[in-house]
Amino acid sequence: MKKILSLVIFVLTMLNFAQAAEQCNALVITGHPAYPPVAWGSDGKIVGASPELVMKIAKELKVEKVSSVNFGSWEKAQEAIADGRADVIFGIYKDQQRLTYMNYIEPPYMLDPVSIVIRGGEQIKFSDWADLKGLKGVTNLGESYGNQFDAYIKANLTVARSKGVAQAFEQLLNKQADYLIIGTYPGKMEASRLKILSKIQFLPKPVVTADMYVAFSKKSKCYLGLKDGFSAGIKKAVASGEVSRLMEVADKQFYQ
């Protein structure tokens, strides 16, 4: 009897997965509009290494249509995931608050170092987080740097939130802040684009190095049918070096 019951449960489970997969013939994906080469906005879409990875995996899983949408800011991209207007977000760190409305795909697909940036010609001592106490910091609205550093910022530091990376750099250069917290990759690219690399300096020690994930909205009908396939696809892309290749291609694309 137990064997029959187990078989029935297995069959029902597989039918549920099959039905979920059949329901998901289209995905809306989104990400950070200013985080090259990981992701950036272009012509109303999010392009870069991460959306390329997600679209490649979705294609392998026979998803018929994948629409990349730029919702205007990193904060609004997360809001679109929270309310179900988007199915998938990429380049996202894991934290407790986001776990309430996102299903993360394991494993992460890359490590992302985060830098402290200061004005050129100036010095601050930075060997650990406590060195930032008493200073004024700035970072982009909607950014999270993991549960531990987020909690430390809230309890111990003074960090303002800017409406966009360009504004954050402007606040730093205008001496409204003593330091800027930003992802190392997009920070250097955006500084190059703004032609301010000579006016700033990235401190050598990362303030954190965080895992980047692909995550599904908890309101997406596609999660159950695609989660295992996405997990396998990410493992394969990391092991084969495909993620690194996509980053190199995106880096060149951004500078064209």
C-alpha atoms as a PDB file:
ATOM      1  CA  MET A   1       0.000   0.000   0.000  1.00  0.00           C
ATOM      2  CA  LYS A   2       2.864   2.345   0.901  1.00  0.00           C
ATOM      3  CA  LYS A   3       4.487   1.686  -2.480  1.00  0.00           C
ATOM      4  CA  ILE A   4       1.243   2.501  -4.312  1.00  0.00           C
ATOM      5  CA  LEU A   5       0.786   5.703  -2.265  1.00  0.00           C
ATOM      6  CA  SER A   6       4.366   6.754  -2.989  1.00  0.00           C
ATOM      7  CA  LEU A   7       3.847   6.103  -6.699  1.00  0.00           C
ATOM      8  CA  VAL A   8       0.641   8.170  -6.716  1.00  0.00           C
ATOM      9  CA  ILE A   9       2.401  11.068  -4.955  1.00  0.00           C
ATOM     10  CA  PHE A  10       5.298  10.878  -7.411  1.00  0.00           C
ATOM     11  CA  VAL A  11       2.981  10.881 -10.431  1.00  0.00           C
ATOM     12  CA  LEU A  12       0.952  13.817  -9.063  1.00  0.00           C
ATOM     13  CA  THR A  13       4.139  15.749  -8.342  1.00  0.00           C
ATOM     14  CA  MET A  14       5.465  15.192 -11.856  1.00  0.00           C
ATOM     15  CA  LEU A  15       2.103  16.233 -13.315  1.00  0.00           C
ATOM     16  CA  ASN A  16       2.250  19.456 -11.303  1.00  0.00           C
ATOM     17  CA  PHE A  17       5.744  20.187 -12.622  1.00  0.00           C
ATOM     18  CA  ALA A  18       4.645  19.427 -16.169  1.00  0.00           C
ATOM     19  CA  GLN A  19       1.608  21.680 -15.866  1.00  0.00           C
ATOM     20  CA  ALA A  20       3.766  24.486 -14.446  1.00  0.00           C
ATOM     21  CA  ALA A  21       6.214  24.149 -17.318  1.00  0.00           C
ATOM     22  CA  GLU A  22       3.395  24.177 -19.869  1.00  0.00           C
ATOM     23  CA  GLN A  23       1.969  27.347 -18.324  1.00  0.00           C
ATOM     24  CA  CYS A  24       5.308  29.090 -18.697  1.00  0.00           C
ATOM     25  CA  ASN A  25       5.756  29.855 -22.382  1.00  0.00           C
ATOM     26  CA  ALA A  26       6.953  33.407 -21.662  1.00  0.00           C
ATOM     27  CA  LEU A  27       9.211  35.147 -19.137  1.00  0.00           C
ATOM     28  CA  VAL A  28       9.684  38.802 -18.235  1.00  0.00           C
ATOM     29  CA  ILE A  29      13.213  39.321 -16.930  1.00  0.00           C
ATOM     30  CA  THR A  30      14.869  42.380 -15.417  1.00  0.00           C
ATOM     31  CA  GLY A  31      17.931  43.591 -13.571  1.00  0.00           C
ATOM     32  CA  HIS A  32      20.072  46.552 -12.650  1.00  0.00           C
ATOM     33  CA  PRO A  33      20.015  49.336 -15.291  1.00  0.00           C
ATOM     34  CA  ALA A  34      23.475  50.613 -14.290  1.00  0.00           C
ATOM     35  CA  TYR A  35      25.691  47.659 -13.375  1.00  0.00           C
ATOM     36  CA  PRO A  36      27.900  46.896 -16.404  1.00  0.00           C
ATOM     37  CA  PRO A  37      29.149  44.440 -17.502  1.00  0.00           C
ATOM     38  CA  VAL A  38      26.755  42.409 -15.333  1.00  0.00           C
ATOM     39  CA  ALA A  39      23.717  44.337 -16.626  1.00  0.00           C
ATOM     40  CA  TRP A  40      22.728  47.762 -17.919  1.00  0.00           C
ATOM     41  CA  GLY A  41      19.810  49.517 -19.579  1.00  0.00           C
ATOM     42  CA  SER A  42      19.596  49.992 -23.349  1.00  0.00           C
ATOM     43  CA  ASP A  43      16.536  50.884 -25.473  1.00  0.00           C
ATOM     44  CA  GLY A  44      14.060  49.917 -22.762  1.00  0.00           C
ATOM     45  CA  LYS A  45      15.744  46.558 -22.118  1.00  0.00           C
ATOM     46  CA  ILE A  46      18.338  45.232 -19.697  1.00  0.00           C
ATOM     47  CA  VAL A  47      21.363  43.880 -21.550  1.00  0.00           C
ATOM     48  CA  GLY A  48      24.730  42.490 -20.477  1.00  0.00           C
ATOM     49  CA  ALA A  49      26.236  39.245 -19.222  1.00  0.00           C
ATOM     50  CA  SER A  50      23.452  38.319 -16.793  1.00  0.00           C
ATOM     51  CA  PRO A  51      20.464  38.694 -19.133  1.00  0.00           C
ATOM     52  CA  GLU A  52      22.393  36.777 -21.782  1.00  0.00           C
ATOM     53  CA  LEU A  53      22.900  33.936 -19.305  1.00  0.00           C
ATOM     54  CA  VAL A  54      19.229  33.910 -18.289  1.00  0.00           C
ATOM     55  CA  MET A  55      17.999  34.007 -21.904  1.00  0.00           C
ATOM     56  CA  LYS A  56      20.361  31.196 -22.884  1.00  0.00           C
ATOM     57  CA  ILE A  57      19.104  28.941 -20.078  1.00  0.00           C
ATOM     58  CA  ALA A  58      15.455  29.828 -20.800  1.00  0.00           C
ATOM     59  CA  LYS A  59      15.948  28.936 -24.462  1.00  0.00           C
ATOM     60  CA  GLU A  60      17.432  25.563 -23.486  1.00  0.00           C
ATOM     61  CA  LEU A  61      14.337  24.989 -21.321  1.00  0.00           C
ATOM     62  CA  LYS A  62      12.078  25.660 -24.343  1.00  0.00           C
ATOM     63  CA  VAL A  63      10.606  28.944 -23.073  1.00  0.00           C
ATOM     64  CA  GLU A  64       9.117  30.449 -26.230  1.00  0.00           C
ATOM     65  CA  LYS A  65       9.404  34.149 -25.399  1.00  0.00           C
ATOM     66  CA  VAL A  66      11.766  36.035 -23.088  1.00  0.00           C
ATOM     67  CA  SER A  67      11.214  39.786 -22.690  1.00  0.00           C
ATOM     68  CA  SER A  68      13.932  41.876 -21.051  1.00  0.00           C
ATOM     69  CA  VAL A  69      12.468  45.018 -19.456  1.00  0.00           C
ATOM     70  CA  ASN A  70      14.174  48.057 -17.954  1.00  0.00           C
ATOM     71  CA  PHE A  71      11.864  49.324 -15.196  1.00  0.00           C
ATOM     72  CA  GLY A  72      13.940  52.484 -14.767  1.00  0.00           C
ATOM     73  CA  SER A  73      15.967  51.818 -11.643  1.00  0.00           C
ATOM     74  CA  TRP A  74      17.287  48.993  -9.489  1.00  0.00           C
ATOM     75  CA  GLU A  75      14.678  49.790  -6.849  1.00  0.00           C
ATOM     76  CA  LYS A  76      11.848  49.646  -9.402  1.00  0.00           C
ATOM     77  CA  ALA A  77      13.183  46.367 -10.827  1.00  0.00           C
ATOM     78  CA  GLN A  78      12.828  44.836  -7.373  1.00  0.00           C
ATOM     79  CA  GLU A  79       9.336  46.312  -7.029  1.00  0.00           C
ATOM     80  CA  ALA A  80       8.396  44.651 -10.342  1.00  0.00           C
ATOM     81  CA  ILE A  81       9.517  41.297  -8.931  1.00  0.00           C
ATOM     82  CA  ALA A  82       7.648  41.899  -5.679  1.00  0.00           C
ATOM     83  CA  ASP A  83       4.328  42.634  -7.398  1.00  0.00           C
ATOM     84  CA  GLY A  84       4.704  40.017 -10.147  1.00  0.00           C
ATOM     85  CA  ARG A  85       5.165  42.284 -13.187  1.00  0.00           C
ATOM     86  CA  ALA A  86       8.485  40.505 -13.784  1.00  0.00           C
ATOM     87  CA  ASP A  87       9.254  36.809 -13.383  1.00  0.00           C
ATOM     88  CA  VAL A  88      13.041  36.830 -13.058  1.00  0.00           C
ATOM     89  CA  ILE A  89      15.656  39.197 -11.666  1.00  0.00           C
ATOM     90  CA  PHE A  90      19.407  38.684 -12.010  1.00  0.00           C
ATOM     91  CA  GLY A  91      22.543  40.068 -10.395  1.00  0.00           C
ATOM     92  CA  ILE A  92      20.770  40.093  -7.032  1.00  0.00           C
ATOM     93  CA  TYR A  93      22.325  39.579  -3.612  1.00  0.00           C
ATOM     94  CA  LYS A  94      20.500  37.446  -1.056  1.00  0.00           C
ATOM     95  CA  ASP A  95      19.081  39.080   2.069  1.00  0.00           C
ATOM     96  CA  GLN A  96      16.249  38.334   4.484  1.00  0.00           C
ATOM     97  CA  GLN A  97      13.907  41.042   3.237  1.00  0.00           C
ATOM     98  CA  ARG A  98      14.198  39.927  -0.386  1.00  0.00           C
ATOM     99  CA  LEU A  99      13.534  36.311   0.625  1.00  0.00           C
ATOM    100  CA  THR A 100       9.982  37.366   1.472  1.00  0.00           C
ATOM    101  CA  TYR A 101       9.123  37.932  -2.194  1.00  0.00           C
ATOM    102  CA  MET A 102      11.832  36.121  -4.194  1.00  0.00           C
ATOM    103  CA  ASN A 103      12.738  32.479  -4.755  1.00  0.00           C
ATOM    104  CA  TYR A 104      16.500  32.287  -5.250  1.00  0.00           C
ATOM    105  CA  ILE A 105      18.025  29.786  -7.653  1.00  0.00           C
ATOM    106  CA  GLU A 106      20.979  27.902  -6.224  1.00  0.00           C
ATOM    107  CA  PRO A 107      23.874  28.101  -6.787  1.00  0.00           C
ATOM    108  CA  PRO A 108      24.963  31.728  -7.244  1.00  0.00           C
ATOM    109  CA  TYR A 109      26.566  32.340 -10.627  1.00  0.00           C
ATOM    110  CA  MET A 110      29.328  34.812  -9.757  1.00  0.00           C
ATOM    111  CA  LEU A 111      31.095  36.707  -6.988  1.00  0.00           C
ATOM    112  CA  ASP A 112      30.757  40.478  -6.939  1.00  0.00           C
ATOM    113  CA  PRO A 113      33.320  42.600  -5.066  1.00  0.00           C
ATOM    114  CA  VAL A 114      32.075  45.867  -3.572  1.00  0.00           C
ATOM    115  CA  SER A 115      34.434  48.822  -3.214  1.00  0.00           C
ATOM    116  CA  ILE A 116      34.862  51.907  -1.091  1.00  0.00           C
ATOM    117  CA  VAL A 117      35.553  54.890  -3.361  1.00  0.00           C
ATOM    118  CA  ILE A 118      37.000  58.200  -2.176  1.00  0.00           C
ATOM    119  CA  ARG A 119      38.104  61.423  -3.847  1.00  0.00           C
ATOM    120  CA  GLY A 120      41.492  61.411  -5.539  1.00  0.00           C
ATOM    121  CA  GLY A 121      44.358  62.796  -3.464  1.00  0.00           C
ATOM    122  CA  GLU A 122      42.580  62.124  -0.182  1.00  0.00           C
ATOM    123  CA  GLN A 123      43.129  59.328   2.283  1.00  0.00           C
ATOM    124  CA  ILE A 124      41.012  57.386   4.721  1.00  0.00           C
ATOM    125  CA  LYS A 125      42.099  54.423   6.763  1.00  0.00           C
ATOM    126  CA  PHE A 126      40.080  51.369   5.776  1.00  0.00           C
ATOM    127  CA  SER A 127      40.936  47.934   7.081  1.00  0.00           C
ATOM    128  CA  ASP A 128      37.526  46.986   8.466  1.00  0.00           C
ATOM    129  CA  TRP A 129      33.982  48.347   8.652  1.00  0.00           C
ATOM    130  CA  ALA A 130      34.601  50.162  11.940  1.00  0.00           C
ATOM    131  CA  ASP A 131      36.946  52.553  10.121  1.00  0.00           C
ATOM    132  CA  LEU A 132      33.912  54.045   8.365  1.00  0.00           C
ATOM    133  CA  LYS A 133      32.296  55.192  11.610  1.00  0.00           C
ATOM    134  CA  GLY A 134      31.981  58.959  11.886  1.00  0.00           C
ATOM    135  CA  LEU A 135      32.265  59.457   8.121  1.00  0.00           C
ATOM    136  CA  LYS A 136      29.479  60.275   5.665  1.00  0.00           C
ATOM    137  CA  GLY A 137      28.843  57.626   3.041  1.00  0.00           C
ATOM    138  CA  VAL A 138      26.604  57.364  -0.011  1.00  0.00           C
ATOM    139  CA  THR A 139      25.319  54.494  -2.125  1.00  0.00           C
ATOM    140  CA  ASN A 140      22.668  53.899  -4.763  1.00  0.00           C
ATOM    141  CA  LEU A 141      19.000  53.590  -3.808  1.00  0.00           C
ATOM    142  CA  GLY A 142      17.811  49.975  -3.652  1.00  0.00           C
ATOM    143  CA  GLU A 143      21.243  48.433  -3.101  1.00  0.00           C
ATOM    144  CA  SER A 144      21.768  45.654  -0.568  1.00  0.00           C
ATOM    145  CA  TYR A 145      25.169  44.341   0.446  1.00  0.00           C
ATOM    146  CA  GLY A 146      24.091  41.213   2.293  1.00  0.00           C
ATOM    147  CA  ASN A 147      22.453  40.791   5.698  1.00  0.00           C
ATOM    148  CA  GLN A 148      25.578  41.351   7.761  1.00  0.00           C
ATOM    149  CA  PHE A 149      26.857  44.564   6.162  1.00  0.00           C
ATOM    150  CA  ASP A 150      23.331  45.947   5.689  1.00  0.00           C
ATOM    151  CA  ALA A 151      22.739  45.497   9.427  1.00  0.00           C
ATOM    152  CA  TYR A 152      26.094  47.091  10.231  1.00  0.00           C
ATOM    153  CA  ILE A 153      25.287  50.114   8.049  1.00  0.00           C
ATOM    154  CA  LYS A 154      21.916  50.553   9.746  1.00  0.00           C
ATOM    155  CA  ALA A 155      23.324  50.272  13.269  1.00  0.00           C
ATOM    156  CA  ASN A 156      26.670  52.021  12.948  1.00  0.00           C
ATOM    157  CA  LEU A 157      27.153  54.110   9.799  1.00  0.00           C
ATOM    158  CA  THR A 158      25.729  57.219   8.152  1.00  0.00           C
ATOM    159  CA  VAL A 159      25.013  56.306   4.518  1.00  0.00           C
ATOM    160  CA  ALA A 160      22.743  58.372   2.265  1.00  0.00           C
ATOM    161  CA  ARG A 161      20.905  56.888  -0.734  1.00  0.00           C
ATOM    162  CA  SER A 162      21.219  58.514  -4.159  1.00  0.00           C
ATOM    163  CA  LYS A 163      18.875  58.266  -7.123  1.00  0.00           C
ATOM    164  CA  GLY A 164      21.320  56.593  -9.461  1.00  0.00           C
ATOM    165  CA  VAL A 165      25.037  55.845  -9.675  1.00  0.00           C
ATOM    166  CA  ALA A 166      25.909  59.100 -11.486  1.00  0.00           C
ATOM    167  CA  GLN A 167      24.290  61.116  -8.680  1.00  0.00           C
ATOM    168  CA  ALA A 168      26.212  59.093  -6.085  1.00  0.00           C
ATOM    169  CA  PHE A 169      29.505  59.988  -7.759  1.00  0.00           C
ATOM    170  CA  GLU A 170      28.380  63.620  -7.945  1.00  0.00           C
ATOM    171  CA  GLN A 171      27.650  63.678  -4.203  1.00  0.00           C
ATOM    172  CA  LEU A 172      31.100  62.233  -3.520  1.00  0.00           C
ATOM    173  CA  LEU A 173      32.893  64.764  -5.729  1.00  0.00           C
ATOM    174  CA  ASN A 174      30.836  67.643  -4.304  1.00  0.00           C
ATOM    175  CA  LYS A 175      31.975  66.617  -0.811  1.00  0.00           C
ATOM    176  CA  GLN A 176      28.464  65.754   0.313  1.00  0.00           C
ATOM    177  CA  ALA A 177      29.927  62.368   1.223  1.00  0.00           C
ATOM    178  CA  ASP A 178      33.341  61.162   2.342  1.00  0.00           C
ATOM    179  CA  TYR A 179      33.073  57.825   0.577  1.00  0.00           C
ATOM    180  CA  LEU A 180      30.930  55.889  -1.877  1.00  0.00           C
ATOM    181  CA  ILE A 181      29.928  52.216  -1.636  1.00  0.00           C
ATOM    182  CA  ILE A 182      29.568  50.614  -5.066  1.00  0.00           C
ATOM    183  CA  GLY A 183      30.110  47.352  -6.916  1.00  0.00           C
ATOM    184  CA  THR A 184      33.674  47.339  -8.238  1.00  0.00           C
ATOM    185  CA  TYR A 185      32.846  46.352 -11.844  1.00  0.00           C
ATOM    186  CA  PRO A 186      30.069  48.862 -12.554  1.00  0.00           C
ATOM    187  CA  GLY A 187      31.747  51.503 -10.417  1.00  0.00           C
ATOM    188  CA  LYS A 188      34.880  51.563 -12.566  1.00  0.00           C
ATOM    189  CA  MET A 189      32.900  51.428 -15.800  1.00  0.00           C
ATOM    190  CA  GLU A 190      30.539  54.231 -14.772  1.00  0.00           C
ATOM    191  CA  ALA A 191      33.466  56.361 -13.585  1.00  0.00           C
ATOM    192  CA  SER A 192      35.139  55.794 -16.950  1.00  0.00           C
ATOM    193  CA  ARG A 193      31.944  56.736 -18.785  1.00  0.00           C
ATOM    194  CA  LEU A 194      31.626  59.899 -16.698  1.00  0.00           C
ATOM    195  CA  LYS A 195      35.329  60.653 -17.301  1.00  0.00           C
ATOM    196  CA  ILE A 196      36.054  61.001 -13.579  1.00  0.00           C
ATOM    197  CA  LEU A 197      38.507  58.130 -13.013  1.00  0.00           C
ATOM    198  CA  SER A 198      41.308  60.644 -12.447  1.00  0.00           C
ATOM    199  CA  LYS A 199      39.255  62.377  -9.733  1.00  0.00           C
ATOM    200  CA  ILE A 200      38.541  59.315  -7.577  1.00  0.00           C
ATOM    201  CA  GLN A 201      40.262  56.259  -6.157  1.00  0.00           C
ATOM    202  CA  PHE A 202      38.989  52.758  -5.422  1.00  0.00           C
ATOM    203  CA  LEU A 203      40.397  51.458  -2.165  1.00  0.00           C
ATOM    204  CA  PRO A 204      42.174  48.118  -2.678  1.00  0.00           C
ATOM    205  CA  LYS A 205      40.294  46.128  -0.047  1.00  0.00           C
ATOM    206  CA  PRO A 206      36.666  45.228  -0.906  1.00  0.00           C
ATOM    207  CA  VAL A 207      34.162  46.204   1.771  1.00  0.00           C
ATOM    208  CA  VAL A 208      32.314  42.943   0.997  1.00  0.00           C
ATOM    209  CA  THR A 209      32.404  40.265  -1.685  1.00  0.00           C
ATOM    210  CA  ALA A 210      28.921  38.962  -2.308  1.00  0.00           C
ATOM    211  CA  ASP A 211      27.284  36.116  -4.235  1.00  0.00           C
ATOM    212  CA  MET A 212      25.123  37.117  -7.196  1.00  0.00           C
ATOM    213  CA  TYR A 213      21.990  35.109  -7.904  1.00  0.00           C
ATOM    214  CA  VAL A 214      19.164  34.638 -10.354  1.00  0.00           C
ATOM    215  CA  ALA A 215      15.815  34.794  -8.539  1.00  0.00           C
ATOM    216  CA  PHE A 216      12.147  34.298  -9.436  1.00  0.00           C
ATOM    217  CA  SER A 217       9.235  36.351  -8.184  1.00  0.00           C
ATOM    218  CA  LYS A 218       7.137  34.391  -5.703  1.00  0.00           C
ATOM    219  CA  LYS A 219       4.178  35.491  -7.834  1.00  0.00           C
ATOM    220  CA  SER A 220       5.620  33.936 -11.002  1.00  0.00           C
ATOM    221  CA  LYS A 221       3.801  30.896 -12.350  1.00  0.00           C
ATOM    222  CA  CYS A 222       7.080  29.809 -13.949  1.00  0.00           C
ATOM    223  CA  TYR A 223       9.128  29.079 -10.841  1.00  0.00           C
ATOM    224  CA  LEU A 224       8.055  25.505 -10.121  1.00  0.00           C
ATOM    225  CA  GLY A 225       8.389  24.389 -13.712  1.00  0.00           C
ATOM    226  CA  LEU A 226      11.767  26.035 -14.337  1.00  0.00           C
ATOM    227  CA  LYS A 227      13.656  26.111 -11.035  1.00  0.00           C
ATOM    228  CA  ASP A 228      15.431  22.775 -11.469  1.00  0.00           C
ATOM    229  CA  GLY A 229      16.362  23.533 -15.064  1.00  0.00           C
ATOM    230  CA  PHE A 230      17.709  26.959 -14.126  1.00  0.00           C
ATOM    231  CA  SER A 231      19.748  25.467 -11.291  1.00  0.00           C
ATOM    232  CA  ALA A 232      21.296  22.894 -13.641  1.00  0.00           C
ATOM    233  CA  GLY A 233      21.907  25.550 -16.296  1.00  0.00           C
ATOM    234  CA  ILE A 234      23.707  27.850 -13.855  1.00  0.00           C
ATOM    235  CA  LYS A 235      25.900  25.019 -12.559  1.00  0.00           C
ATOM    236  CA  LYS A 236      26.851  24.132 -16.123  1.00  0.00           C
ATOM    237  CA  ALA A 237      27.556  27.771 -17.106  1.00  0.00           C
ATOM    238  CA  VAL A 238      29.810  28.330 -14.089  1.00  0.00           C
ATOM    239  CA  ALA A 239      31.711  25.037 -14.468  1.00  0.00           C
ATOM    240  CA  SER A 240      32.280  25.497 -18.213  1.00  0.00           C
ATOM    241  CA  GLY A 241      33.534  29.069 -17.941  1.00  0.00           C
ATOM    242  CA  GLU A 242      30.502  30.398 -19.844  1.00  0.00           C
ATOM    243  CA  VAL A 243      29.797  33.052 -17.198  1.00  0.00           C
ATOM    244  CA  SER A 244      33.338  34.409 -17.497  1.00  0.00           C
ATOM    245  CA  ARG A 245      33.059  34.428 -21.287  1.00  0.00           C
ATOM    246  CA  LEU A 246      29.779  36.338 -21.153  1.00  0.00           C
ATOM    247  CA  MET A 247      31.368  38.909 -18.838  1.00  0.00           C
ATOM    248  CA  GLU A 248      34.233  39.429 -21.293  1.00  0.00           C
ATOM    249  CA  VAL A 249      31.833  39.834 -24.229  1.00  0.00           C
ATOM    250  CA  ALA A 250      29.647  42.265 -22.264  1.00  0.00           C
ATOM    251  CA  ASP A 251      32.679  44.294 -21.224  1.00  0.00           C
ATOM    252  CA  LYS A 252      33.630  44.827 -24.875  1.00  0.00           C
ATOM    253  CA  GLN A 253      30.014  45.494 -25.852  1.00  0.00           C
ATOM    254  CA  PHE A 254      29.635  48.231 -23.239  1.00  0.00           C
ATOM    255  CA  TYR A 255      32.666  50.103 -24.556  1.00  0.00           C
ATOM    256  CA  GLN A 256      31.680  49.948 -28.247  1.00  0.00           C
END
